[in-house]
PDB file of N, CA and C in Angstrom:
ATOM      1  N   MET A   1      15.015 -59.558  49.348  1.00  0.00           N
ATOM      2  CA  MET A   1      15.949 -58.931  48.443  1.00  0.00           C
ATOM      3  C   MET A   1      15.523 -57.482  48.238  1.00  0.00           C
ATOM      4  N   ILE A   2      16.505 -56.608  48.182  1.00  0.00           N
ATOM      5  CA  ILE A   2      16.261 -55.193  47.909  1.00  0.00           C
ATOM      6  C   ILE A   2      16.621 -54.915  46.448  1.00  0.00           C
ATOM      7  N   VAL A   3      15.686 -54.326  45.732  1.00  0.00           N
ATOM      8  CA  VAL A   3      15.890 -53.992  44.321  1.00  0.00           C
ATOM      9  C   VAL A   3      15.737 -52.488  44.165  1.00  0.00           C
ATOM     10  N   ARG A   4      16.694 -51.888  43.492  1.00  0.00           N
ATOM     11  CA  ARG A   4      16.643 -50.457  43.195  1.00  0.00           C
ATOM     12  C   ARG A   4      16.305 -50.280  41.722  1.00  0.00           C
ATOM     13  N   ILE A   5      15.301 -49.481  41.439  1.00  0.00           N
ATOM     14  CA  ILE A   5      15.006 -49.053  40.074  1.00  0.00           C
ATOM     15  C   ILE A   5      15.542 -47.637  39.978  1.00  0.00           C
ATOM     16  N   LEU A   6      16.526 -47.437  39.127  1.00  0.00           N
ATOM     17  CA  LEU A   6      17.146 -46.125  39.029  1.00  0.00           C
ATOM     18  C   LEU A   6      16.104 -45.059  38.720  1.00  0.00           C
ATOM     19  N   GLY A   7      16.166 -43.979  39.473  1.00  0.00           N
ATOM     20  CA  GLY A   7      15.250 -42.876  39.285  1.00  0.00           C
ATOM     21  C   GLY A   7      13.923 -43.028  40.011  1.00  0.00           C
ATOM     22  N   GLU A   8      13.672 -44.204  40.605  1.00  0.00           N
ATOM     23  CA  GLU A   8      12.390 -44.441  41.281  1.00  0.00           C
ATOM     24  C   GLU A   8      12.542 -44.733  42.762  1.00  0.00           C
ATOM     25  N   GLY A   9      13.535 -45.494  43.125  1.00  0.00           N
ATOM     26  CA  GLY A   9      13.697 -45.854  44.523  1.00  0.00           C
ATOM     27  C   GLY A   9      13.950 -47.336  44.701  1.00  0.00           C
ATOM     28  N   GLN A  10      13.828 -47.780  45.958  1.00  0.00           N
ATOM     29  CA  GLN A  10      14.130 -49.158  46.302  1.00  0.00           C
ATOM     30  C   GLN A  10      12.869 -49.886  46.771  1.00  0.00           C
ATOM     31  N   PHE A  11      12.860 -51.187  46.508  1.00  0.00           N
ATOM     32  CA  PHE A  11      11.731 -52.038  46.826  1.00  0.00           C
ATOM     33  C   PHE A  11      12.236 -53.327  47.470  1.00  0.00           C
ATOM     34  N   ARG A  12      11.461 -53.848  48.395  1.00  0.00           N
ATOM     35  CA  ARG A  12      11.749 -55.152  48.986  1.00  0.00           C
ATOM     36  C   ARG A  12      10.864 -56.165  48.261  1.00  0.00           C
ATOM     37  N   VAL A  13      11.486 -57.229  47.718  1.00  0.00           N
ATOM     38  CA  VAL A  13      10.725 -58.275  47.029  1.00  0.00           C
ATOM     39  C   VAL A  13      10.954 -59.608  47.731  1.00  0.00           C
ATOM     40  N   ASP A  14       9.969 -60.485  47.636  1.00  0.00           N
ATOM     41  CA  ASP A  14      10.075 -61.796  48.265  1.00  0.00           C
ATOM     42  C   ASP A  14      10.884 -62.747  47.377  1.00  0.00           C
ATOM     43  N   ASP A  15      11.103 -63.946  47.888  1.00  0.00           N
ATOM     44  CA  ASP A  15      11.946 -64.919  47.180  1.00  0.00           C
ATOM     45  C   ASP A  15      11.373 -65.325  45.827  1.00  0.00           C
ATOM     46  N   ASP A  16      10.043 -65.431  45.735  1.00  0.00           N
ATOM     47  CA  ASP A  16       9.410 -65.801  44.468  1.00  0.00           C
ATOM     48  C   ASP A  16       9.671 -64.737  43.402  1.00  0.00           C
ATOM     49  N   ALA A  17       9.469 -63.488  43.766  1.00  0.00           N
ATOM     50  CA  ALA A  17       9.724 -62.395  42.824  1.00  0.00           C
ATOM     51  C   ALA A  17      11.209 -62.318  42.487  1.00  0.00           C
ATOM     52  N   ALA A  18      12.067 -62.560  43.469  1.00  0.00           N
ATOM     53  CA  ALA A  18      13.515 -62.530  43.223  1.00  0.00           C
ATOM     54  C   ALA A  18      13.918 -63.599  42.213  1.00  0.00           C
ATOM     55  N   ALA A  19      13.315 -64.779  42.308  1.00  0.00           N
ATOM     56  CA  ALA A  19      13.619 -65.854  41.351  1.00  0.00           C
ATOM     57  C   ALA A  19      13.174 -65.462  39.942  1.00  0.00           C
ATOM     58  N   LYS A  20      11.996 -64.863  39.834  1.00  0.00           N
ATOM     59  CA  LYS A  20      11.517 -64.404  38.526  1.00  0.00           C
ATOM     60  C   LYS A  20      12.418 -63.294  37.983  1.00  0.00           C
ATOM     61  N   LEU A  21      12.873 -62.422  38.861  1.00  0.00           N
ATOM     62  CA  LEU A  21      13.755 -61.333  38.455  1.00  0.00           C
ATOM     63  C   LEU A  21      15.094 -61.871  37.947  1.00  0.00           C
ATOM     64  N   THR A  22      15.581 -62.930  38.572  1.00  0.00           N
ATOM     65  CA  THR A  22      16.838 -63.552  38.138  1.00  0.00           C
ATOM     66  C   THR A  22      16.701 -64.081  36.713  1.00  0.00           C
ATOM     67  N   ALA A  23      15.570 -64.692  36.402  1.00  0.00           N
ATOM     68  CA  ALA A  23      15.334 -65.186  35.044  1.00  0.00           C
ATOM     69  C   ALA A  23      15.277 -64.027  34.052  1.00  0.00           C
ATOM     70  N   LEU A  24      14.614 -62.940  34.424  1.00  0.00           N
ATOM     71  CA  LEU A  24      14.544 -61.771  33.547  1.00  0.00           C
ATOM     72  C   LEU A  24      15.917 -61.129  33.378  1.00  0.00           C
ATOM     73  N   ASP A  25      16.744 -61.194  34.406  1.00  0.00           N
ATOM     74  CA  ASP A  25      18.093 -60.641  34.321  1.00  0.00           C
ATOM     75  C   ASP A  25      18.897 -61.351  33.241  1.00  0.00           C
ATOM     76  N   LYS A  26      18.719 -62.640  33.115  1.00  0.00           N
ATOM     77  CA  LYS A  26      19.416 -63.394  32.063  1.00  0.00           C
ATOM     78  C   LYS A  26      18.979 -62.910  30.678  1.00  0.00           C
ATOM     79  N   GLU A  27      17.688 -62.617  30.543  1.00  0.00           N
ATOM     80  CA  GLU A  27      17.189 -62.083  29.277  1.00  0.00           C
ATOM     81  C   GLU A  27      17.758 -60.686  29.011  1.00  0.00           C
ATOM     82  N   LEU A  28      17.837 -59.862  30.055  1.00  0.00           N
ATOM     83  CA  LEU A  28      18.419 -58.529  29.910  1.00  0.00           C
ATOM     84  C   LEU A  28      19.880 -58.607  29.498  1.00  0.00           C
ATOM     85  N   ASP A  29      20.642 -59.479  30.154  1.00  0.00           N
ATOM     86  CA  ASP A  29      22.067 -59.642  29.821  1.00  0.00           C
ATOM     87  C   ASP A  29      22.246 -60.064  28.369  1.00  0.00           C
ATOM     88  N   ALA A  30      21.452 -61.029  27.934  1.00  0.00           N
ATOM     89  CA  ALA A  30      21.561 -61.511  26.554  1.00  0.00           C
ATOM     90  C   ALA A  30      21.197 -60.407  25.567  1.00  0.00           C
ATOM     91  N   ALA A  31      20.169 -59.639  25.868  1.00  0.00           N
ATOM     92  CA  ALA A  31      19.752 -58.569  24.964  1.00  0.00           C
ATOM     93  C   ALA A  31      20.818 -57.483  24.860  1.00  0.00           C
ATOM     94  N   VAL A  32      21.453 -57.140  25.988  1.00  0.00           N
ATOM     95  CA  VAL A  32      22.529 -56.145  25.959  1.00  0.00           C
ATOM     96  C   VAL A  32      23.705 -56.697  25.165  1.00  0.00           C
ATOM     97  N   ARG A  33      24.066 -57.945  25.441  1.00  0.00           N
ATOM     98  CA  ARG A  33      25.187 -58.570  24.737  1.00  0.00           C
ATOM     99  C   ARG A  33      24.945 -58.590  23.227  1.00  0.00           C
ATOM    100  N   ASP A  34      23.706 -58.920  22.825  1.00  0.00           N
ATOM    101  CA  ASP A  34      23.376 -59.054  21.405  1.00  0.00           C
ATOM    102  C   ASP A  34      22.947 -57.742  20.753  1.00  0.00           C
ATOM    103  N   GLY A  35      22.776 -56.691  21.564  1.00  0.00           N
ATOM    104  CA  GLY A  35      22.318 -55.419  21.018  1.00  0.00           C
ATOM    105  C   GLY A  35      20.880 -55.473  20.537  1.00  0.00           C
ATOM    106  N   ASN A  36      20.080 -56.331  21.146  1.00  0.00           N
ATOM    107  CA  ASN A  36      18.687 -56.522  20.726  1.00  0.00           C
ATOM    108  C   ASN A  36      17.785 -55.588  21.531  1.00  0.00           C
ATOM    109  N   GLU A  37      17.498 -54.433  20.957  1.00  0.00           N
ATOM    110  CA  GLU A  37      16.720 -53.405  21.645  1.00  0.00           C
ATOM    111  C   GLU A  37      15.315 -53.880  21.992  1.00  0.00           C
ATOM    112  N   ALA A  38      14.661 -54.597  21.085  1.00  0.00           N
ATOM    113  CA  ALA A  38      13.289 -55.054  21.337  1.00  0.00           C
ATOM    114  C   ALA A  38      13.241 -56.044  22.500  1.00  0.00           C
ATOM    115  N   ALA A  39      14.147 -57.008  22.504  1.00  0.00           N
ATOM    116  CA  ALA A  39      14.179 -57.991  23.596  1.00  0.00           C
ATOM    117  C   ALA A  39      14.541 -57.320  24.915  1.00  0.00           C
ATOM    118  N   PHE A  40      15.455 -56.355  24.856  1.00  0.00           N
ATOM    119  CA  PHE A  40      15.849 -55.623  26.059  1.00  0.00           C
ATOM    120  C   PHE A  40      14.662 -54.862  26.637  1.00  0.00           C
ATOM    121  N   SER A  41      13.959 -54.138  25.786  1.00  0.00           N
ATOM    122  CA  SER A  41      12.815 -53.349  26.233  1.00  0.00           C
ATOM    123  C   SER A  41      11.741 -54.250  26.852  1.00  0.00           C
ATOM    124  N   THR A  42      11.469 -55.377  26.221  1.00  0.00           N
ATOM    125  CA  THR A  42      10.464 -56.313  26.740  1.00  0.00           C
ATOM    126  C   THR A  42      10.864 -56.839  28.109  1.00  0.00           C
ATOM    127  N   ALA A  43      12.117 -57.279  28.241  1.00  0.00           N
ATOM    128  CA  ALA A  43      12.586 -57.831  29.514  1.00  0.00           C
ATOM    129  C   ALA A  43      12.662 -56.754  30.598  1.00  0.00           C
ATOM    130  N   LEU A  44      13.110 -55.555  30.235  1.00  0.00           N
ATOM    131  CA  LEU A  44      13.208 -54.475  31.208  1.00  0.00           C
ATOM    132  C   LEU A  44      11.827 -54.087  31.727  1.00  0.00           C
ATOM    133  N   HIS A  45      10.859 -53.941  30.827  1.00  0.00           N
ATOM    134  CA  HIS A  45       9.511 -53.586  31.261  1.00  0.00           C
ATOM    135  C   HIS A  45       8.898 -54.686  32.127  1.00  0.00           C
ATOM    136  N   ALA A  46       9.193 -55.939  31.807  1.00  0.00           N
ATOM    137  CA  ALA A  46       8.702 -57.049  32.635  1.00  0.00           C
ATOM    138  C   ALA A  46       9.343 -57.009  34.021  1.00  0.00           C
ATOM    139  N   ALA A  47      10.651 -56.751  34.083  1.00  0.00           N
ATOM    140  CA  ALA A  47      11.360 -56.713  35.368  1.00  0.00           C
ATOM    141  C   ALA A  47      10.884 -55.541  36.227  1.00  0.00           C
ATOM    142  N   VAL A  48      10.786 -54.371  35.627  1.00  0.00           N
ATOM    143  CA  VAL A  48      10.331 -53.199  36.370  1.00  0.00           C
ATOM    144  C   VAL A  48       8.883 -53.399  36.829  1.00  0.00           C
ATOM    145  N   GLY A  49       8.047 -53.936  35.961  1.00  0.00           N
ATOM    146  CA  GLY A  49       6.658 -54.203  36.325  1.00  0.00           C
ATOM    147  C   GLY A  49       6.546 -55.202  37.459  1.00  0.00           C
ATOM    148  N   LEU A  50       7.376 -56.224  37.424  1.00  0.00           N
ATOM    149  CA  LEU A  50       7.390 -57.227  38.484  1.00  0.00           C
ATOM    150  C   LEU A  50       7.755 -56.595  39.821  1.00  0.00           C
ATOM    151  N   VAL A  51       8.795 -55.795  39.829  1.00  0.00           N
ATOM    152  CA  VAL A  51       9.241 -55.167  41.075  1.00  0.00           C
ATOM    153  C   VAL A  51       8.184 -54.206  41.593  1.00  0.00           C
ATOM    154  N   ARG A  52       7.598 -53.422  40.724  1.00  0.00           N
ATOM    155  CA  ARG A  52       6.552 -52.476  41.146  1.00  0.00           C
ATOM    156  C   ARG A  52       5.340 -53.213  41.715  1.00  0.00           C
ATOM    157  N   ALA A  53       4.961 -54.325  41.070  1.00  0.00           N
ATOM    158  CA  ALA A  53       3.757 -55.052  41.484  1.00  0.00           C
ATOM    159  C   ALA A  53       3.987 -55.913  42.725  1.00  0.00           C
ATOM    160  N   ALA A  54       5.113 -56.589  42.781  1.00  0.00           N
ATOM    161  CA  ALA A  54       5.360 -57.543  43.865  1.00  0.00           C
ATOM    162  C   ALA A  54       6.144 -56.942  45.021  1.00  0.00           C
ATOM    163  N   GLY A  55       6.795 -55.812  44.774  1.00  0.00           N
ATOM    164  CA  GLY A  55       7.651 -55.228  45.795  1.00  0.00           C
ATOM    165  C   GLY A  55       6.944 -54.243  46.694  1.00  0.00           C
ATOM    166  N   SER A  56       7.547 -54.046  47.843  1.00  0.00           N
ATOM    167  CA  SER A  56       7.080 -53.032  48.791  1.00  0.00           C
ATOM    168  C   SER A  56       8.110 -51.916  48.810  1.00  0.00           C
ATOM    169  N   PRO A  57       7.710 -50.684  48.507  1.00  0.00           N
ATOM    170  CA  PRO A  57       8.679 -49.579  48.505  1.00  0.00           C
ATOM    171  C   PRO A  57       9.292 -49.384  49.894  1.00  0.00           C
ATOM    172  N   LEU A  58      10.587 -49.153  49.927  1.00  0.00           N
ATOM    173  CA  LEU A  58      11.247 -48.815  51.178  1.00  0.00           C
ATOM    174  C   LEU A  58      10.930 -47.364  51.505  1.00  0.00           C
ATOM    175  N   ASN A  59      10.828 -47.056  52.786  1.00  0.00           N
ATOM    176  CA  ASN A  59      10.630 -45.676  53.205  1.00  0.00           C
ATOM    177  C   ASN A  59      11.835 -44.847  52.788  1.00  0.00           C
ATOM    178  N   ALA A  60      11.610 -43.591  52.506  1.00  0.00           N
ATOM    179  CA  ALA A  60      12.680 -42.700  52.057  1.00  0.00           C
ATOM    180  C   ALA A  60      13.808 -42.602  53.081  1.00  0.00           C
ATOM    181  N   ASP A  61      13.481 -42.753  54.361  1.00  0.00           N
ATOM    182  CA  ASP A  61      14.509 -42.641  55.394  1.00  0.00           C
ATOM    183  C   ASP A  61      15.179 -43.977  55.726  1.00  0.00           C
ATOM    184  N   GLU A  62      14.741 -45.058  55.083  1.00  0.00           N
ATOM    185  CA  GLU A  62      15.340 -46.372  55.307  1.00  0.00           C
ATOM    186  C   GLU A  62      16.566 -46.529  54.401  1.00  0.00           C
ATOM    187  N   ILE A  63      17.681 -46.865  55.002  1.00  0.00           N
ATOM    188  CA  ILE A  63      18.917 -47.035  54.242  1.00  0.00           C
ATOM    189  C   ILE A  63      19.212 -48.528  54.116  1.00  0.00           C
ATOM    190  N   ALA A  64      19.305 -48.994  52.872  1.00  0.00           N
ATOM    191  CA  ALA A  64      19.582 -50.403  52.619  1.00  0.00           C
ATOM    192  C   ALA A  64      20.387 -50.515  51.338  1.00  0.00           C
ATOM    193  N   THR A  65      21.325 -51.418  51.347  1.00  0.00           N
ATOM    194  CA  THR A  65      22.113 -51.677  50.153  1.00  0.00           C
ATOM    195  C   THR A  65      21.288 -52.545  49.212  1.00  0.00           C
ATOM    196  N   ALA A  66      21.197 -52.120  47.961  1.00  0.00           N
ATOM    197  CA  ALA A  66      20.432 -52.881  46.980  1.00  0.00           C
ATOM    198  C   ALA A  66      21.194 -54.147  46.597  1.00  0.00           C
ATOM    199  N   ASP A  67      20.450 -55.245  46.522  1.00  0.00           N
ATOM    200  CA  ASP A  67      21.017 -56.509  46.050  1.00  0.00           C
ATOM    201  C   ASP A  67      21.029 -56.548  44.528  1.00  0.00           C
ATOM    202  N   TYR A  68      20.148 -55.774  43.940  1.00  0.00           N
ATOM    203  CA  TYR A  68      19.984 -55.788  42.488  1.00  0.00           C
ATOM    204  C   TYR A  68      19.578 -54.393  42.055  1.00  0.00           C
ATOM    205  N   ILE A  69      20.126 -53.930  40.940  1.00  0.00           N
ATOM    206  CA  ILE A  69      19.805 -52.604  40.419  1.00  0.00           C
ATOM    207  C   ILE A  69      19.285 -52.731  38.989  1.00  0.00           C
ATOM    208  N   LEU A  70      18.098 -52.199  38.769  1.00  0.00           N
ATOM    209  CA  LEU A  70      17.532 -52.137  37.430  1.00  0.00           C
ATOM    210  C   LEU A  70      17.774 -50.737  36.870  1.00  0.00           C
ATOM    211  N   PRO A  71      18.022 -50.642  35.566  1.00  0.00           N
ATOM    212  CA  PRO A  71      18.196 -49.308  34.976  1.00  0.00           C
ATOM    213  C   PRO A  71      16.874 -48.543  34.961  1.00  0.00           C
ATOM    214  N   PHE A  72      16.955 -47.271  34.580  1.00  0.00           N
ATOM    215  CA  PHE A  72      15.753 -46.469  34.391  1.00  0.00           C
ATOM    216  C   PHE A  72      14.777 -47.263  33.530  1.00  0.00           C
ATOM    217  N   SER A  73      13.494 -47.119  33.785  1.00  0.00           N
ATOM    218  CA  SER A  73      12.500 -47.930  33.079  1.00  0.00           C
ATOM    219  C   SER A  73      12.457 -47.672  31.576  1.00  0.00           C
ATOM    220  N   ASP A  74      12.978 -46.526  31.135  1.00  0.00           N
ATOM    221  CA  ASP A  74      12.990 -46.226  29.702  1.00  0.00           C
ATOM    222  C   ASP A  74      14.401 -46.286  29.102  1.00  0.00           C
ATOM    223  N   ALA A  75      15.304 -46.975  29.788  1.00  0.00           N
ATOM    224  CA  ALA A  75      16.697 -47.072  29.320  1.00  0.00           C
ATOM    225  C   ALA A  75      16.789 -47.849  28.012  1.00  0.00           C
ATOM    226  N   THR A  76      17.826 -47.534  27.257  1.00  0.00           N
ATOM    227  CA  THR A  76      18.096 -48.253  26.011  1.00  0.00           C
ATOM    228  C   THR A  76      19.317 -49.147  26.211  1.00  0.00           C
ATOM    229  N   VAL A  77      19.533 -50.045  25.276  1.00  0.00           N
ATOM    230  CA  VAL A  77      20.702 -50.924  25.328  1.00  0.00           C
ATOM    231  C   VAL A  77      21.978 -50.091  25.375  1.00  0.00           C
ATOM    232  N   ASP A  78      22.069 -49.070  24.548  1.00  0.00           N
ATOM    233  CA  ASP A  78      23.274 -48.238  24.520  1.00  0.00           C
ATOM    234  C   ASP A  78      23.507 -47.533  25.850  1.00  0.00           C
ATOM    235  N   GLU A  79      22.444 -47.040  26.477  1.00  0.00           N
ATOM    236  CA  GLU A  79      22.591 -46.391  27.779  1.00  0.00           C
ATOM    237  C   GLU A  79      23.066 -47.369  28.843  1.00  0.00           C
ATOM    238  N   VAL A  80      22.552 -48.578  28.821  1.00  0.00           N
ATOM    239  CA  VAL A  80      22.968 -49.581  29.800  1.00  0.00           C
ATOM    240  C   VAL A  80      24.418 -49.996  29.546  1.00  0.00           C
ATOM    241  N   ARG A  81      24.793 -50.129  28.306  1.00  0.00           N
ATOM    242  CA  ARG A  81      26.200 -50.442  28.005  1.00  0.00           C
ATOM    243  C   ARG A  81      27.116 -49.361  28.564  1.00  0.00           C
ATOM    244  N   LYS A  82      26.723 -48.114  28.419  1.00  0.00           N
ATOM    245  CA  LYS A  82      27.530 -47.010  28.939  1.00  0.00           C
ATOM    246  C   LYS A  82      27.613 -47.071  30.462  1.00  0.00           C
ATOM    247  N   LEU A  83      26.477 -47.332  31.115  1.00  0.00           N
ATOM    248  CA  LEU A  83      26.470 -47.457  32.571  1.00  0.00           C
ATOM    249  C   LEU A  83      27.407 -48.579  33.032  1.00  0.00           C
ATOM    250  N   LEU A  84      27.357 -49.680  32.328  1.00  0.00           N
ATOM    251  CA  LEU A  84      28.194 -50.821  32.701  1.00  0.00           C
ATOM    252  C   LEU A  84      29.668 -50.541  32.434  1.00  0.00           C
ATOM    253  N   ALA A  85      29.941 -49.768  31.394  1.00  0.00           N
ATOM    254  CA  ALA A  85      31.330 -49.499  31.020  1.00  0.00           C
ATOM    255  C   ALA A  85      32.010 -48.515  31.952  1.00  0.00           C
ATOM    256  N   ASP A  86      31.303 -47.436  32.328  1.00  0.00           N
ATOM    257  CA  ASP A  86      31.986 -46.415  33.131  1.00  0.00           C
ATOM    258  C   ASP A  86      31.541 -46.371  34.585  1.00  0.00           C
ATOM    259  N   GLY A  87      30.499 -47.104  34.931  1.00  0.00           N
ATOM    260  CA  GLY A  87      30.084 -47.202  36.324  1.00  0.00           C
ATOM    261  C   GLY A  87      29.382 -45.980  36.881  1.00  0.00           C
ATOM    262  N   THR A  88      29.100 -44.980  36.045  1.00  0.00           N
ATOM    263  CA  THR A  88      28.391 -43.796  36.539  1.00  0.00           C
ATOM    264  C   THR A  88      26.922 -43.891  36.169  1.00  0.00           C
ATOM    265  N   ILE A  89      26.105 -43.249  36.952  1.00  0.00           N
ATOM    266  CA  ILE A  89      24.678 -43.268  36.735  1.00  0.00           C
ATOM    267  C   ILE A  89      24.179 -41.839  36.702  1.00  0.00           C
ATOM    268  N   PRO A  90      24.198 -41.199  35.520  1.00  0.00           N
ATOM    269  CA  PRO A  90      23.765 -39.815  35.438  1.00  0.00           C
ATOM    270  C   PRO A  90      22.300 -39.664  35.830  1.00  0.00           C
ATOM    271  N   GLY A  91      22.017 -38.647  36.630  1.00  0.00           N
ATOM    272  CA  GLY A  91      20.648 -38.373  37.012  1.00  0.00           C
ATOM    273  C   GLY A  91      20.123 -39.217  38.160  1.00  0.00           C
ATOM    274  N   ASP A  92      20.926 -40.141  38.669  1.00  0.00           N
ATOM    275  CA  ASP A  92      20.476 -40.958  39.787  1.00  0.00           C
ATOM    276  C   ASP A  92      20.543 -40.131  41.059  1.00  0.00           C
ATOM    277  N   SER A  93      19.703 -40.468  42.017  1.00  0.00           N
ATOM    278  CA  SER A  93      19.638 -39.680  43.246  1.00  0.00           C
ATOM    279  C   SER A  93      20.812 -39.938  44.174  1.00  0.00           C
ATOM    280  N   ILE A  94      21.532 -41.016  43.961  1.00  0.00           N
ATOM    281  CA  ILE A  94      22.718 -41.291  44.767  1.00  0.00           C
ATOM    282  C   ILE A  94      23.916 -41.190  43.840  1.00  0.00           C
ATOM    283  N   GLY A  95      24.779 -40.282  44.123  1.00  0.00           N
ATOM    284  CA  GLY A  95      25.950 -40.108  43.273  1.00  0.00           C
ATOM    285  C   GLY A  95      27.163 -39.739  44.097  1.00  0.00           C
ATOM    286  N   LEU A  96      28.291 -40.041  43.569  1.00  0.00           N
ATOM    287  CA  LEU A  96      29.539 -39.692  44.209  1.00  0.00           C
ATOM    288  C   LEU A  96      30.194 -38.581  43.416  1.00  0.00           C
ATOM    289  N   PRO A  97      30.836 -37.640  44.104  1.00  0.00           N
ATOM    290  CA  PRO A  97      31.478 -36.535  43.376  1.00  0.00           C
ATOM    291  C   PRO A  97      32.602 -37.021  42.484  1.00  0.00           C
TER     292      PRO A  97
END
């Protein structure tokens, strides 16, 4: 699985890490839905840490579609809600005009 951390790049993770990431994604979704900043921050830091630790960074010249996208590591619930609502990612290295 290819995971993109916004602002950092893409990583290849194995099936075990992908399964753990899926569980953390459920926690992230619930925290965004409930507006729970503390739970969101905890789950986001766990997910980003997992990808950094278990993943292998893709080379800068390797082009791959991400299967999963994590927000910036310091994102807030409100910022993620905005990203989900309008589909734009300000400051990301890949952008469309």
